[in-house]
Amino acid sequence: MQIKKYFHILSLLILFTSIHLTKAQVEPELVLPIGHTNRVNSAVYNATGSQIVTAGNDKTARIWDAESGELLHTLEGHTSYVTSAVYNATGSQIVTASWDNTARIWDAESGEPKTNSKGYCRINC
């Protein structure tokens, strides 16, 4: 009688395991590359806490909705690592600094570039 009981438990365990493995094989996980593709150097909230701007070694800065995590804009134009990105006091503009010796100003609402200031050099602290 004990052998039958153990055999029944073992059969259920094998059945559960095969169902679990089959489900995992049928439903593969989908991963979409929507974030930075290299190291993130900084992340800063705007004054109201509704947005976050990140700066990365993929030569971009990215604006995110702080509540949903949705990517709002990708700020492209630097030719080297973007080392930092910060909002102005009102949160209407973002300034980015890069190893390409430029600082750029962007509209925080649209993600469009405002200016390109050449001549800034990299400082190692």
PDB file of N, CA and C in Angstrom:
ATOM      1  N   MET A   1       0.821  -1.194   0.000  1.00  0.00           N
ATOM      2  CA  MET A   1       0.000   0.000   0.000  1.00  0.00           C
ATOM      3  C   MET A   1       0.871   1.267   0.000  1.00  0.00           C
ATOM      4  N   GLN A   2       1.972   1.242   0.785  1.00  0.00           N
ATOM      5  CA  GLN A   2       2.858   2.395   0.846  1.00  0.00           C
ATOM      6  C   GLN A   2       3.507   2.645  -0.514  1.00  0.00           C
ATOM      7  N   ILE A   3       3.885   1.594  -1.201  1.00  0.00           N
ATOM      8  CA  ILE A   3       4.525   1.740  -2.506  1.00  0.00           C
ATOM      9  C   ILE A   3       3.568   2.390  -3.494  1.00  0.00           C
ATOM     10  N   LYS A   4       2.309   2.000  -3.446  1.00  0.00           N
ATOM     11  CA  LYS A   4       1.308   2.586  -4.326  1.00  0.00           C
ATOM     12  C   LYS A   4       1.152   4.084  -4.045  1.00  0.00           C
ATOM     13  N   LYS A   5       1.149   4.440  -2.768  1.00  0.00           N
ATOM     14  CA  LYS A   5       1.005   5.848  -2.371  1.00  0.00           C
ATOM     15  C   LYS A   5       2.184   6.677  -2.893  1.00  0.00           C
ATOM     16  N   TYR A   6       3.400   6.156  -2.703  1.00  0.00           N
ATOM     17  CA  TYR A   6       4.577   6.868  -3.177  1.00  0.00           C
ATOM     18  C   TYR A   6       4.601   6.963  -4.700  1.00  0.00           C
ATOM     19  N   PHE A   7       4.195   5.895  -5.354  1.00  0.00           N
ATOM     20  CA  PHE A   7       4.119   5.896  -6.813  1.00  0.00           C
ATOM     21  C   PHE A   7       3.128   6.957  -7.300  1.00  0.00           C
ATOM     22  N   HIS A   8       1.985   7.087  -6.617  1.00  0.00           N
ATOM     23  CA  HIS A   8       0.977   8.086  -6.979  1.00  0.00           C
ATOM     24  C   HIS A   8       1.536   9.504  -6.800  1.00  0.00           C
ATOM     25  N   ILE A   9       2.204   9.748  -5.691  1.00  0.00           N
ATOM     26  CA  ILE A   9       2.803  11.068  -5.432  1.00  0.00           C
ATOM     27  C   ILE A   9       3.885  11.371  -6.474  1.00  0.00           C
ATOM     28  N   LEU A  10       4.705  10.382  -6.770  1.00  0.00           N
ATOM     29  CA  LEU A  10       5.749  10.567  -7.772  1.00  0.00           C
ATOM     30  C   LEU A  10       5.149  10.856  -9.146  1.00  0.00           C
ATOM     31  N   SER A  11       4.071  10.180  -9.492  1.00  0.00           N
ATOM     32  CA  SER A  11       3.388  10.407 -10.778  1.00  0.00           C
ATOM     33  C   SER A  11       2.852  11.827 -10.857  1.00  0.00           C
ATOM     34  N   LEU A  12       2.238  12.300  -9.782  1.00  0.00           N
ATOM     35  CA  LEU A  12       1.722  13.675  -9.755  1.00  0.00           C
ATOM     36  C   LEU A  12       2.855  14.693  -9.882  1.00  0.00           C
ATOM     37  N   LEU A  13       3.951  14.439  -9.205  1.00  0.00           N
ATOM     38  CA  LEU A  13       5.095  15.344  -9.272  1.00  0.00           C
ATOM     39  C   LEU A  13       5.642  15.412 -10.698  1.00  0.00           C
ATOM     40  N   ILE A  14       5.780  14.262 -11.355  1.00  0.00           N
ATOM     41  CA  ILE A  14       6.267  14.238 -12.738  1.00  0.00           C
ATOM     42  C   ILE A  14       5.298  14.959 -13.665  1.00  0.00           C
ATOM     43  N   LEU A  15       3.999  14.751 -13.471  1.00  0.00           N
ATOM     44  CA  LEU A  15       2.992  15.419 -14.286  1.00  0.00           C
ATOM     45  C   LEU A  15       3.060  16.929 -14.102  1.00  0.00           C
ATOM     46  N   PHE A  16       3.136  17.398 -12.854  1.00  0.00           N
ATOM     47  CA  PHE A  16       3.216  18.829 -12.579  1.00  0.00           C
ATOM     48  C   PHE A  16       4.467  19.434 -13.212  1.00  0.00           C
ATOM     49  N   THR A  17       5.601  18.747 -13.075  1.00  0.00           N
ATOM     50  CA  THR A  17       6.861  19.236 -13.638  1.00  0.00           C
ATOM     51  C   THR A  17       6.774  19.326 -15.155  1.00  0.00           C
ATOM     52  N   SER A  18       6.211  18.330 -15.807  1.00  0.00           N
ATOM     53  CA  SER A  18       6.125  18.362 -17.271  1.00  0.00           C
ATOM     54  C   SER A  18       5.176  19.447 -17.747  1.00  0.00           C
ATOM     55  N   ILE A  19       4.082  19.671 -17.021  1.00  0.00           N
ATOM     56  CA  ILE A  19       3.162  20.754 -17.383  1.00  0.00           C
ATOM     57  C   ILE A  19       3.854  22.100 -17.224  1.00  0.00           C
ATOM     58  N   HIS A  20       4.572  22.280 -16.127  1.00  0.00           N
ATOM     59  CA  HIS A  20       5.280  23.532 -15.866  1.00  0.00           C
ATOM     60  C   HIS A  20       6.340  23.790 -16.944  1.00  0.00           C
ATOM     61  N   LEU A  21       7.130  22.778 -17.286  1.00  0.00           N
ATOM     62  CA  LEU A  21       8.160  22.949 -18.305  1.00  0.00           C
ATOM     63  C   LEU A  21       7.556  23.214 -19.675  1.00  0.00           C
ATOM     64  N   THR A  22       6.459  22.541 -19.997  1.00  0.00           N
ATOM     65  CA  THR A  22       5.792  22.755 -21.286  1.00  0.00           C
ATOM     66  C   THR A  22       5.281  24.182 -21.376  1.00  0.00           C
ATOM     67  N   LYS A  23       4.679  24.685 -20.300  1.00  0.00           N
ATOM     68  CA  LYS A  23       4.160  26.050 -20.288  1.00  0.00           C
ATOM     69  C   LYS A  23       5.306  27.048 -20.484  1.00  0.00           C
ATOM     70  N   ALA A  24       6.429  26.823 -19.804  1.00  0.00           N
ATOM     71  CA  ALA A  24       7.573  27.732 -19.918  1.00  0.00           C
ATOM     72  C   ALA A  24       8.131  27.723 -21.335  1.00  0.00           C
ATOM     73  N   GLN A  25       8.117  26.559 -22.004  1.00  0.00           N
ATOM     74  CA  GLN A  25       8.655  26.474 -23.353  1.00  0.00           C
ATOM     75  C   GLN A  25       7.712  27.110 -24.371  1.00  0.00           C
ATOM     76  N   VAL A  26       6.421  27.068 -24.122  1.00  0.00           N
ATOM     77  CA  VAL A  26       5.433  27.594 -25.059  1.00  0.00           C
ATOM     78  C   VAL A  26       5.331  29.110 -24.960  1.00  0.00           C
ATOM     79  N   GLU A  27       5.561  29.668 -23.775  1.00  0.00           N
ATOM     80  CA  GLU A  27       5.396  31.105 -23.552  1.00  0.00           C
ATOM     81  C   GLU A  27       6.751  31.760 -23.283  1.00  0.00           C
ATOM     82  N   PRO A  28       7.550  32.001 -24.320  1.00  0.00           N
ATOM     83  CA  PRO A  28       8.853  32.629 -24.107  1.00  0.00           C
ATOM     84  C   PRO A  28       8.685  34.079 -23.656  1.00  0.00           C
ATOM     85  N   GLU A  29       9.637  34.526 -22.895  1.00  0.00           N
ATOM     86  CA  GLU A  29       9.607  35.901 -22.401  1.00  0.00           C
ATOM     87  C   GLU A  29      10.124  36.834 -23.478  1.00  0.00           C
ATOM     88  N   LEU A  30       9.429  37.936 -23.699  1.00  0.00           N
ATOM     89  CA  LEU A  30       9.821  38.913 -24.699  1.00  0.00           C
ATOM     90  C   LEU A  30      10.479  40.090 -23.998  1.00  0.00           C
ATOM     91  N   VAL A  31      11.681  40.435 -24.402  1.00  0.00           N
ATOM     92  CA  VAL A  31      12.404  41.560 -23.820  1.00  0.00           C
ATOM     93  C   VAL A  31      12.683  42.559 -24.937  1.00  0.00           C
ATOM     94  N   LEU A  32      12.234  43.791 -24.765  1.00  0.00           N
ATOM     95  CA  LEU A  32      12.441  44.828 -25.773  1.00  0.00           C
ATOM     96  C   LEU A  32      13.504  45.809 -25.297  1.00  0.00           C
ATOM     97  N   PRO A  33      14.481  46.142 -26.116  1.00  0.00           N
ATOM     98  CA  PRO A  33      15.536  47.075 -25.715  1.00  0.00           C
ATOM     99  C   PRO A  33      15.082  48.531 -25.857  1.00  0.00           C
ATOM    100  N   ILE A  34      14.371  49.044 -24.870  1.00  0.00           N
ATOM    101  CA  ILE A  34      13.896  50.425 -24.973  1.00  0.00           C
ATOM    102  C   ILE A  34      14.758  51.393 -24.188  1.00  0.00           C
ATOM    103  N   GLY A  35      15.638  50.885 -23.320  1.00  0.00           N
ATOM    104  CA  GLY A  35      16.463  51.758 -22.501  1.00  0.00           C
ATOM    105  C   GLY A  35      17.823  51.993 -23.109  1.00  0.00           C
ATOM    106  N   HIS A  36      18.727  52.471 -22.276  1.00  0.00           N
ATOM    107  CA  HIS A  36      20.103  52.692 -22.722  1.00  0.00           C
ATOM    108  C   HIS A  36      20.733  51.370 -23.123  1.00  0.00           C
ATOM    109  N   THR A  37      21.628  51.433 -24.082  1.00  0.00           N
ATOM    110  CA  THR A  37      22.300  50.225 -24.553  1.00  0.00           C
ATOM    111  C   THR A  37      23.719  50.116 -24.004  1.00  0.00           C
ATOM    112  N   ASN A  38      24.061  50.994 -23.074  1.00  0.00           N
ATOM    113  CA  ASN A  38      25.365  50.975 -22.437  1.00  0.00           C
ATOM    114  C   ASN A  38      25.185  51.546 -21.031  1.00  0.00           C
ATOM    115  N   ARG A  39      26.244  51.777 -20.331  1.00  0.00           N
ATOM    116  CA  ARG A  39      26.227  52.251 -18.944  1.00  0.00           C
ATOM    117  C   ARG A  39      25.420  53.541 -18.792  1.00  0.00           C
ATOM    118  N   VAL A  40      24.669  53.641 -17.690  1.00  0.00           N
ATOM    119  CA  VAL A  40      23.949  54.866 -17.338  1.00  0.00           C
ATOM    120  C   VAL A  40      24.812  55.633 -16.347  1.00  0.00           C
ATOM    121  N   ASN A  41      25.104  56.900 -16.660  1.00  0.00           N
ATOM    122  CA  ASN A  41      25.998  57.712 -15.840  1.00  0.00           C
ATOM    123  C   ASN A  41      25.280  58.572 -14.811  1.00  0.00           C
ATOM    124  N   SER A  42      24.045  58.967 -15.090  1.00  0.00           N
ATOM    125  CA  SER A  42      23.296  59.775 -14.120  1.00  0.00           C
ATOM    126  C   SER A  42      21.806  59.617 -14.354  1.00  0.00           C
ATOM    127  N   ALA A  43      21.053  59.875 -13.299  1.00  0.00           N
ATOM    128  CA  ALA A  43      19.585  59.871 -13.365  1.00  0.00           C
ATOM    129  C   ALA A  43      19.090  60.943 -12.413  1.00  0.00           C
ATOM    130  N   VAL A  44      18.249  61.863 -12.922  1.00  0.00           N
ATOM    131  CA  VAL A  44      17.801  63.010 -12.136  1.00  0.00           C
ATOM    132  C   VAL A  44      16.314  63.240 -12.358  1.00  0.00           C
ATOM    133  N   TYR A  45      15.570  63.477 -11.253  1.00  0.00           N
ATOM    134  CA  TYR A  45      14.161  63.865 -11.331  1.00  0.00           C
ATOM    135  C   TYR A  45      14.044  65.336 -11.703  1.00  0.00           C
ATOM    136  N   ASN A  46      12.921  65.706 -12.351  1.00  0.00           N
ATOM    137  CA  ASN A  46      12.626  67.131 -12.526  1.00  0.00           C
ATOM    138  C   ASN A  46      12.059  67.673 -11.213  1.00  0.00           C
ATOM    139  N   ALA A  47      11.792  68.975 -11.149  1.00  0.00           N
ATOM    140  CA  ALA A  47      11.375  69.612  -9.900  1.00  0.00           C
ATOM    141  C   ALA A  47      10.051  69.071  -9.353  1.00  0.00           C
ATOM    142  N   THR A  48       9.156  68.644 -10.225  1.00  0.00           N
ATOM    143  CA  THR A  48       7.850  68.142  -9.765  1.00  0.00           C
ATOM    144  C   THR A  48       7.858  66.634  -9.516  1.00  0.00           C
ATOM    145  N   GLY A  49       8.925  65.963  -9.920  1.00  0.00           N
ATOM    146  CA  GLY A  49       9.004  64.520  -9.739  1.00  0.00           C
ATOM    147  C   GLY A  49       8.240  63.722 -10.777  1.00  0.00           C
ATOM    148  N   SER A  50       7.788  64.384 -11.840  1.00  0.00           N
ATOM    149  CA  SER A  50       6.993  63.698 -12.859  1.00  0.00           C
ATOM    150  C   SER A  50       7.841  63.069 -13.962  1.00  0.00           C
ATOM    151  N   GLN A  51       9.074  63.532 -14.112  1.00  0.00           N
ATOM    152  CA  GLN A  51       9.962  63.000 -15.143  1.00  0.00           C
ATOM    153  C   GLN A  51      11.332  62.699 -14.556  1.00  0.00           C
ATOM    154  N   ILE A  52      12.045  61.795 -15.239  1.00  0.00           N
ATOM    155  CA  ILE A  52      13.440  61.487 -14.914  1.00  0.00           C
ATOM    156  C   ILE A  52      14.228  61.592 -16.209  1.00  0.00           C
ATOM    157  N   VAL A  53      15.410  62.213 -16.137  1.00  0.00           N
ATOM    158  CA  VAL A  53      16.305  62.227 -17.290  1.00  0.00           C
ATOM    159  C   VAL A  53      17.536  61.407 -16.919  1.00  0.00           C
ATOM    160  N   THR A  54      17.947  60.530 -17.848  1.00  0.00           N
ATOM    161  CA  THR A  54      19.132  59.706 -17.648  1.00  0.00           C
ATOM    162  C   THR A  54      20.155  60.020 -18.734  1.00  0.00           C
ATOM    163  N   ALA A  55      21.434  59.870 -18.396  1.00  0.00           N
ATOM    164  CA  ALA A  55      22.523  60.110 -19.340  1.00  0.00           C
ATOM    165  C   ALA A  55      23.345  58.845 -19.434  1.00  0.00           C
ATOM    166  N   GLY A  56      23.747  58.476 -20.663  1.00  0.00           N
ATOM    167  CA  GLY A  56      24.436  57.203 -20.806  1.00  0.00           C
ATOM    168  C   GLY A  56      25.611  57.194 -21.757  1.00  0.00           C
ATOM    169  N   ASN A  57      26.369  56.110 -21.653  1.00  0.00           N
ATOM    170  CA  ASN A  57      27.521  55.913 -22.526  1.00  0.00           C
ATOM    171  C   ASN A  57      27.127  55.507 -23.935  1.00  0.00           C
ATOM    172  N   ASP A  58      25.826  55.391 -24.211  1.00  0.00           N
ATOM    173  CA  ASP A  58      25.375  55.112 -25.582  1.00  0.00           C
ATOM    174  C   ASP A  58      25.200  56.398 -26.380  1.00  0.00           C
ATOM    175  N   LYS A  59      25.753  57.500 -25.855  1.00  0.00           N
ATOM    176  CA  LYS A  59      25.756  58.822 -26.500  1.00  0.00           C
ATOM    177  C   LYS A  59      24.377  59.477 -26.503  1.00  0.00           C
ATOM    178  N   THR A  60      23.487  59.037 -25.617  1.00  0.00           N
ATOM    179  CA  THR A  60      22.146  59.620 -25.542  1.00  0.00           C
ATOM    180  C   THR A  60      21.798  59.990 -24.104  1.00  0.00           C
ATOM    181  N   ALA A  61      20.805  60.855 -24.004  1.00  0.00           N
ATOM    182  CA  ALA A  61      20.099  61.086 -22.748  1.00  0.00           C
ATOM    183  C   ALA A  61      18.656  60.680 -23.032  1.00  0.00           C
ATOM    184  N   ARG A  62      17.941  60.261 -22.014  1.00  0.00           N
ATOM    185  CA  ARG A  62      16.562  59.801 -22.221  1.00  0.00           C
ATOM    186  C   ARG A  62      15.660  60.383 -21.148  1.00  0.00           C
ATOM    187  N   ILE A  63      14.466  60.790 -21.586  1.00  0.00           N
ATOM    188  CA  ILE A  63      13.471  61.349 -20.671  1.00  0.00           C
ATOM    189  C   ILE A  63      12.408  60.286 -20.440  1.00  0.00           C
ATOM    190  N   TRP A  64      12.102  60.030 -19.166  1.00  0.00           N
ATOM    191  CA  TRP A  64      11.176  58.975 -18.757  1.00  0.00           C
ATOM    192  C   TRP A  64      10.022  59.560 -17.946  1.00  0.00           C
ATOM    193  N   ASP A  65       8.852  58.991 -18.075  1.00  0.00           N
ATOM    194  CA  ASP A  65       7.740  59.305 -17.186  1.00  0.00           C
ATOM    195  C   ASP A  65       8.035  58.604 -15.862  1.00  0.00           C
ATOM    196  N   ALA A  66       8.100  59.368 -14.769  1.00  0.00           N
ATOM    197  CA  ALA A  66       8.508  58.807 -13.482  1.00  0.00           C
ATOM    198  C   ALA A  66       7.476  57.844 -12.908  1.00  0.00           C
ATOM    199  N   GLU A  67       6.222  58.030 -13.218  1.00  0.00           N
ATOM    200  CA  GLU A  67       5.188  57.157 -12.663  1.00  0.00           C
ATOM    201  C   GLU A  67       5.058  55.848 -13.439  1.00  0.00           C
ATOM    202  N   SER A  68       4.992  55.931 -14.755  1.00  0.00           N
ATOM    203  CA  SER A  68       4.762  54.728 -15.564  1.00  0.00           C
ATOM    204  C   SER A  68       6.051  54.051 -16.024  1.00  0.00           C
ATOM    205  N   GLY A  69       7.169  54.794 -16.037  1.00  0.00           N
ATOM    206  CA  GLY A  69       8.420  54.250 -16.554  1.00  0.00           C
ATOM    207  C   GLY A  69       8.515  54.304 -18.064  1.00  0.00           C
ATOM    208  N   GLU A  70       7.531  54.916 -18.715  1.00  0.00           N
ATOM    209  CA  GLU A  70       7.502  55.003 -20.174  1.00  0.00           C
ATOM    210  C   GLU A  70       8.604  55.922 -20.679  1.00  0.00           C
ATOM    211  N   LEU A  71       9.272  55.495 -21.747  1.00  0.00           N
ATOM    212  CA  LEU A  71      10.271  56.338 -22.405  1.00  0.00           C
ATOM    213  C   LEU A  71       9.539  57.404 -23.205  1.00  0.00           C
ATOM    214  N   LEU A  72       9.800  58.680 -22.892  1.00  0.00           N
ATOM    215  CA  LEU A  72       9.124  59.789 -23.578  1.00  0.00           C
ATOM    216  C   LEU A  72       9.939  60.302 -24.767  1.00  0.00           C
ATOM    217  N   HIS A  73      11.247  60.500 -24.557  1.00  0.00           N
ATOM    218  CA  HIS A  73      12.103  61.038 -25.622  1.00  0.00           C
ATOM    219  C   HIS A  73      13.523  60.503 -25.475  1.00  0.00           C
ATOM    220  N   THR A  74      14.184  60.331 -26.612  1.00  0.00           N
ATOM    221  CA  THR A  74      15.609  60.024 -26.642  1.00  0.00           C
ATOM    222  C   THR A  74      16.311  61.242 -27.220  1.00  0.00           C
ATOM    223  N   LEU A  75      17.253  61.796 -26.451  1.00  0.00           N
ATOM    224  CA  LEU A  75      17.976  63.000 -26.859  1.00  0.00           C
ATOM    225  C   LEU A  75      19.273  62.564 -27.537  1.00  0.00           C
ATOM    226  N   GLU A  76      19.317  62.713 -28.851  1.00  0.00           N
ATOM    227  CA  GLU A  76      20.461  62.269 -29.646  1.00  0.00           C
ATOM    228  C   GLU A  76      21.160  63.459 -30.281  1.00  0.00           C
ATOM    229  N   GLY A  77      22.473  63.371 -30.381  1.00  0.00           N
ATOM    230  CA  GLY A  77      23.245  64.431 -31.021  1.00  0.00           C
ATOM    231  C   GLY A  77      24.677  64.474 -30.534  1.00  0.00           C
ATOM    232  N   HIS A  78      24.949  63.966 -29.337  1.00  0.00           N
ATOM    233  CA  HIS A  78      26.325  63.911 -28.852  1.00  0.00           C
ATOM    234  C   HIS A  78      27.083  62.828 -29.612  1.00  0.00           C
ATOM    235  N   THR A  79      28.399  63.024 -29.733  1.00  0.00           N
ATOM    236  CA  THR A  79      29.222  62.059 -30.461  1.00  0.00           C
ATOM    237  C   THR A  79      30.088  61.208 -29.525  1.00  0.00           C
ATOM    238  N   SER A  80      29.917  61.379 -28.234  1.00  0.00           N
ATOM    239  CA  SER A  80      30.624  60.557 -27.249  1.00  0.00           C
ATOM    240  C   SER A  80      29.724  60.383 -26.027  1.00  0.00           C
ATOM    241  N   TYR A  81      30.261  59.744 -24.985  1.00  0.00           N
ATOM    242  CA  TYR A  81      29.485  59.471 -23.775  1.00  0.00           C
ATOM    243  C   TYR A  81      28.800  60.728 -23.251  1.00  0.00           C
ATOM    244  N   VAL A  82      27.546  60.601 -22.851  1.00  0.00           N
ATOM    245  CA  VAL A  82      26.845  61.680 -22.158  1.00  0.00           C
ATOM    246  C   VAL A  82      27.059  61.417 -20.668  1.00  0.00           C
ATOM    247  N   THR A  83      27.781  62.329 -20.018  1.00  0.00           N
ATOM    248  CA  THR A  83      28.184  62.100 -18.632  1.00  0.00           C
ATOM    249  C   THR A  83      27.163  62.591 -17.621  1.00  0.00           C
ATOM    250  N   SER A  84      26.378  63.607 -17.994  1.00  0.00           N
ATOM    251  CA  SER A  84      25.363  64.100 -17.055  1.00  0.00           C
ATOM    252  C   SER A  84      24.242  64.797 -17.802  1.00  0.00           C
ATOM    253  N   ALA A  85      23.100  64.841 -17.147  1.00  0.00           N
ATOM    254  CA  ALA A  85      21.930  65.542 -17.681  1.00  0.00           C
ATOM    255  C   ALA A  85      21.132  66.041 -16.483  1.00  0.00           C
ATOM    256  N   VAL A  86      20.757  67.319 -16.511  1.00  0.00           N
ATOM    257  CA  VAL A  86      19.989  67.904 -15.400  1.00  0.00           C
ATOM    258  C   VAL A  86      18.924  68.857 -15.948  1.00  0.00           C
ATOM    259  N   TYR A  87      17.847  69.001 -15.175  1.00  0.00           N
ATOM    260  CA  TYR A  87      16.784  69.950 -15.504  1.00  0.00           C
ATOM    261  C   TYR A  87      17.147  71.328 -14.983  1.00  0.00           C
ATOM    262  N   ASN A  88      16.604  72.378 -15.650  1.00  0.00           N
ATOM    263  CA  ASN A  88      16.716  73.721 -15.088  1.00  0.00           C
ATOM    264  C   ASN A  88      15.708  73.829 -13.940  1.00  0.00           C
ATOM    265  N   ALA A  89      15.688  74.967 -13.261  1.00  0.00           N
ATOM    266  CA  ALA A  89      14.844  75.135 -12.065  1.00  0.00           C
ATOM    267  C   ALA A  89      13.351  74.954 -12.347  1.00  0.00           C
ATOM    268  N   THR A  90      12.903  75.343 -13.527  1.00  0.00           N
ATOM    269  CA  THR A  90      11.475  75.235 -13.845  1.00  0.00           C
ATOM    270  C   THR A  90      11.112  73.887 -14.469  1.00  0.00           C
ATOM    271  N   GLY A  91      12.130  73.109 -14.857  1.00  0.00           N
ATOM    272  CA  GLY A  91      11.881  71.819 -15.482  1.00  0.00           C
ATOM    273  C   GLY A  91      11.535  71.899 -16.953  1.00  0.00           C
ATOM    274  N   SER A  92      11.690  73.084 -17.541  1.00  0.00           N
ATOM    275  CA  SER A  92      11.326  73.264 -18.952  1.00  0.00           C
ATOM    276  C   SER A  92      12.456  72.891 -19.906  1.00  0.00           C
ATOM    277  N   GLN A  93      13.689  72.882 -19.397  1.00  0.00           N
ATOM    278  CA  GLN A  93      14.835  72.565 -20.240  1.00  0.00           C
ATOM    279  C   GLN A  93      15.760  71.582 -19.531  1.00  0.00           C
ATOM    280  N   ILE A  94      16.545  70.883 -20.334  1.00  0.00           N
ATOM    281  CA  ILE A  94      17.538  69.944 -19.832  1.00  0.00           C
ATOM    282  C   ILE A  94      18.873  70.324 -20.442  1.00  0.00           C
ATOM    283  N   VAL A  95      19.940  70.290 -19.654  1.00  0.00           N
ATOM    284  CA  VAL A  95      21.286  70.480 -20.192  1.00  0.00           C
ATOM    285  C   VAL A  95      22.026  69.153 -20.051  1.00  0.00           C
ATOM    286  N   THR A  96      22.704  68.754 -21.133  1.00  0.00           N
ATOM    287  CA  THR A  96      23.516  67.542 -21.126  1.00  0.00           C
ATOM    288  C   THR A  96      24.970  67.919 -21.352  1.00  0.00           C
ATOM    289  N   ALA A  97      25.871  67.156 -20.757  1.00  0.00           N
ATOM    290  CA  ALA A  97      27.309  67.343 -20.948  1.00  0.00           C
ATOM    291  C   ALA A  97      27.887  66.022 -21.426  1.00  0.00           C
ATOM    292  N   SER A  98      28.891  66.135 -22.307  1.00  0.00           N
ATOM    293  CA  SER A  98      29.424  64.935 -22.940  1.00  0.00           C
ATOM    294  C   SER A  98      30.940  64.978 -23.040  1.00  0.00           C
ATOM    295  N   TRP A  99      31.524  63.795 -23.208  1.00  0.00           N
ATOM    296  CA  TRP A  99      32.956  63.690 -23.461  1.00  0.00           C
ATOM    297  C   TRP A  99      33.315  64.198 -24.846  1.00  0.00           C
ATOM    298  N   ASP A 100      32.335  64.592 -25.644  1.00  0.00           N
ATOM    299  CA  ASP A 100      32.640  65.172 -26.957  1.00  0.00           C
ATOM    300  C   ASP A 100      32.931  66.666 -26.850  1.00  0.00           C
ATOM    301  N   ASN A 101      33.107  67.163 -25.624  1.00  0.00           N
ATOM    302  CA  ASN A 101      33.434  68.566 -25.330  1.00  0.00           C
ATOM    303  C   ASN A 101      32.306  69.523 -25.672  1.00  0.00           C
ATOM    304  N   THR A 102      31.063  69.056 -25.570  1.00  0.00           N
ATOM    305  CA  THR A 102      29.922  69.943 -25.791  1.00  0.00           C
ATOM    306  C   THR A 102      28.938  69.834 -24.640  1.00  0.00           C
ATOM    307  N   ALA A 103      28.201  70.902 -24.471  1.00  0.00           N
ATOM    308  CA  ALA A 103      27.029  70.911 -23.594  1.00  0.00           C
ATOM    309  C   ALA A 103      25.862  71.291 -24.488  1.00  0.00           C
ATOM    310  N   ARG A 104      24.761  70.620 -24.333  1.00  0.00           N
ATOM    311  CA  ARG A 104      23.593  70.887 -25.178  1.00  0.00           C
ATOM    312  C   ARG A 104      22.387  71.165 -24.300  1.00  0.00           C
ATOM    313  N   ILE A 105      21.530  72.053 -24.790  1.00  0.00           N
ATOM    314  CA  ILE A 105      20.288  72.372 -24.085  1.00  0.00           C
ATOM    315  C   ILE A 105      19.126  71.830 -24.905  1.00  0.00           C
ATOM    316  N   TRP A 106      18.183  71.162 -24.213  1.00  0.00           N
ATOM    317  CA  TRP A 106      17.055  70.493 -24.854  1.00  0.00           C
ATOM    318  C   TRP A 106      15.753  70.979 -24.243  1.00  0.00           C
ATOM    319  N   ASP A 107      14.709  70.995 -25.022  1.00  0.00           N
ATOM    320  CA  ASP A 107      13.370  71.277 -24.519  1.00  0.00           C
ATOM    321  C   ASP A 107      12.865  70.006 -23.825  1.00  0.00           C
ATOM    322  N   ALA A 108      12.494  70.114 -22.562  1.00  0.00           N
ATOM    323  CA  ALA A 108      12.092  68.929 -21.789  1.00  0.00           C
ATOM    324  C   ALA A 108      10.743  68.375 -22.231  1.00  0.00           C
ATOM    325  N   GLU A 109       9.906  69.204 -22.792  1.00  0.00           N
ATOM    326  CA  GLU A 109       8.574  68.755 -23.233  1.00  0.00           C
ATOM    327  C   GLU A 109       8.644  67.986 -24.556  1.00  0.00           C
ATOM    328  N   SER A 110       9.391  68.533 -25.517  1.00  0.00           N
ATOM    329  CA  SER A 110       9.429  67.931 -26.851  1.00  0.00           C
ATOM    330  C   SER A 110      10.651  67.052 -27.096  1.00  0.00           C
ATOM    331  N   GLY A 111      11.722  67.265 -26.303  1.00  0.00           N
ATOM    332  CA  GLY A 111      12.967  66.541 -26.532  1.00  0.00           C
ATOM    333  C   GLY A 111      13.805  67.125 -27.650  1.00  0.00           C
ATOM    334  N   GLU A 112      13.397  68.263 -28.175  1.00  0.00           N
ATOM    335  CA  GLU A 112      14.121  68.913 -29.278  1.00  0.00           C
ATOM    336  C   GLU A 112      15.324  69.698 -28.751  1.00  0.00           C
ATOM    337  N   PRO A 113      16.443  69.735 -29.527  1.00  0.00           N
ATOM    338  CA  PRO A 113      17.610  70.505 -29.102  1.00  0.00           C
ATOM    339  C   PRO A 113      17.356  72.007 -29.188  1.00  0.00           C
ATOM    340  N   LYS A 114      17.917  72.747 -28.233  1.00  0.00           N
ATOM    341  CA  LYS A 114      17.826  74.212 -28.223  1.00  0.00           C
ATOM    342  C   LYS A 114      19.132  74.842 -28.709  1.00  0.00           C
ATOM    343  N   THR A 115      20.266  74.403 -28.148  1.00  0.00           N
ATOM    344  CA  THR A 115      21.566  74.968 -28.525  1.00  0.00           C
ATOM    345  C   THR A 115      22.626  73.893 -28.476  1.00  0.00           C
ATOM    346  N   ASN A 116      23.799  74.262 -28.971  1.00  0.00           N
ATOM    347  CA  ASN A 116      24.967  73.395 -28.907  1.00  0.00           C
ATOM    348  C   ASN A 116      26.155  74.281 -28.572  1.00  0.00           C
ATOM    349  N   SER A 117      26.664  74.174 -27.350  1.00  0.00           N
ATOM    350  CA  SER A 117      27.785  75.014 -26.921  1.00  0.00           C
ATOM    351  C   SER A 117      29.077  74.237 -27.029  1.00  0.00           C
ATOM    352  N   LYS A 118      29.928  74.625 -27.952  1.00  0.00           N
ATOM    353  CA  LYS A 118      31.213  73.949 -28.135  1.00  0.00           C
ATOM    354  C   LYS A 118      32.253  74.523 -27.185  1.00  0.00           C
ATOM    355  N   GLY A 119      33.290  73.743 -26.956  1.00  0.00           N
ATOM    356  CA  GLY A 119      34.424  74.242 -26.206  1.00  0.00           C
ATOM    357  C   GLY A 119      34.487  73.783 -24.763  1.00  0.00           C
ATOM    358  N   TYR A 120      33.492  73.096 -24.243  1.00  0.00           N
ATOM    359  CA  TYR A 120      33.565  72.595 -22.896  1.00  0.00           C
ATOM    360  C   TYR A 120      34.472  71.378 -22.873  1.00  0.00           C
ATOM    361  N   CYS A 121      35.362  71.325 -21.923  1.00  0.00           N
ATOM    362  CA  CYS A 121      36.284  70.180 -21.882  1.00  0.00           C
ATOM    363  C   CYS A 121      35.917  69.250 -20.731  1.00  0.00           C
ATOM    364  N   ARG A 122      36.383  68.048 -20.836  1.00  0.00           N
ATOM    365  CA  ARG A 122      36.140  67.045 -19.814  1.00  0.00           C
ATOM    366  C   ARG A 122      37.021  67.358 -18.597  1.00  0.00           C
ATOM    367  N   ILE A 123      36.412  67.293 -17.402  1.00  0.00           N
ATOM    368  CA  ILE A 123      37.157  67.512 -16.176  1.00  0.00           C
ATOM    369  C   ILE A 123      37.080  66.243 -15.350  1.00  0.00           C
ATOM    370  N   ASN A 124      38.206  65.706 -14.962  1.00  0.00           N
ATOM    371  CA  ASN A 124      38.245  64.525 -14.085  1.00  0.00           C
ATOM    372  C   ASN A 124      38.438  65.002 -12.661  1.00  0.00           C
ATOM    373  N   CYS A 125      37.483  64.677 -11.807  1.00  0.00           N
ATOM    374  CA  CYS A 125      37.579  65.096 -10.392  1.00  0.00           C
ATOM    375  C   CYS A 125      38.106  63.973  -9.529  1.00  0.00           C
TER     376      CYS A 125
END
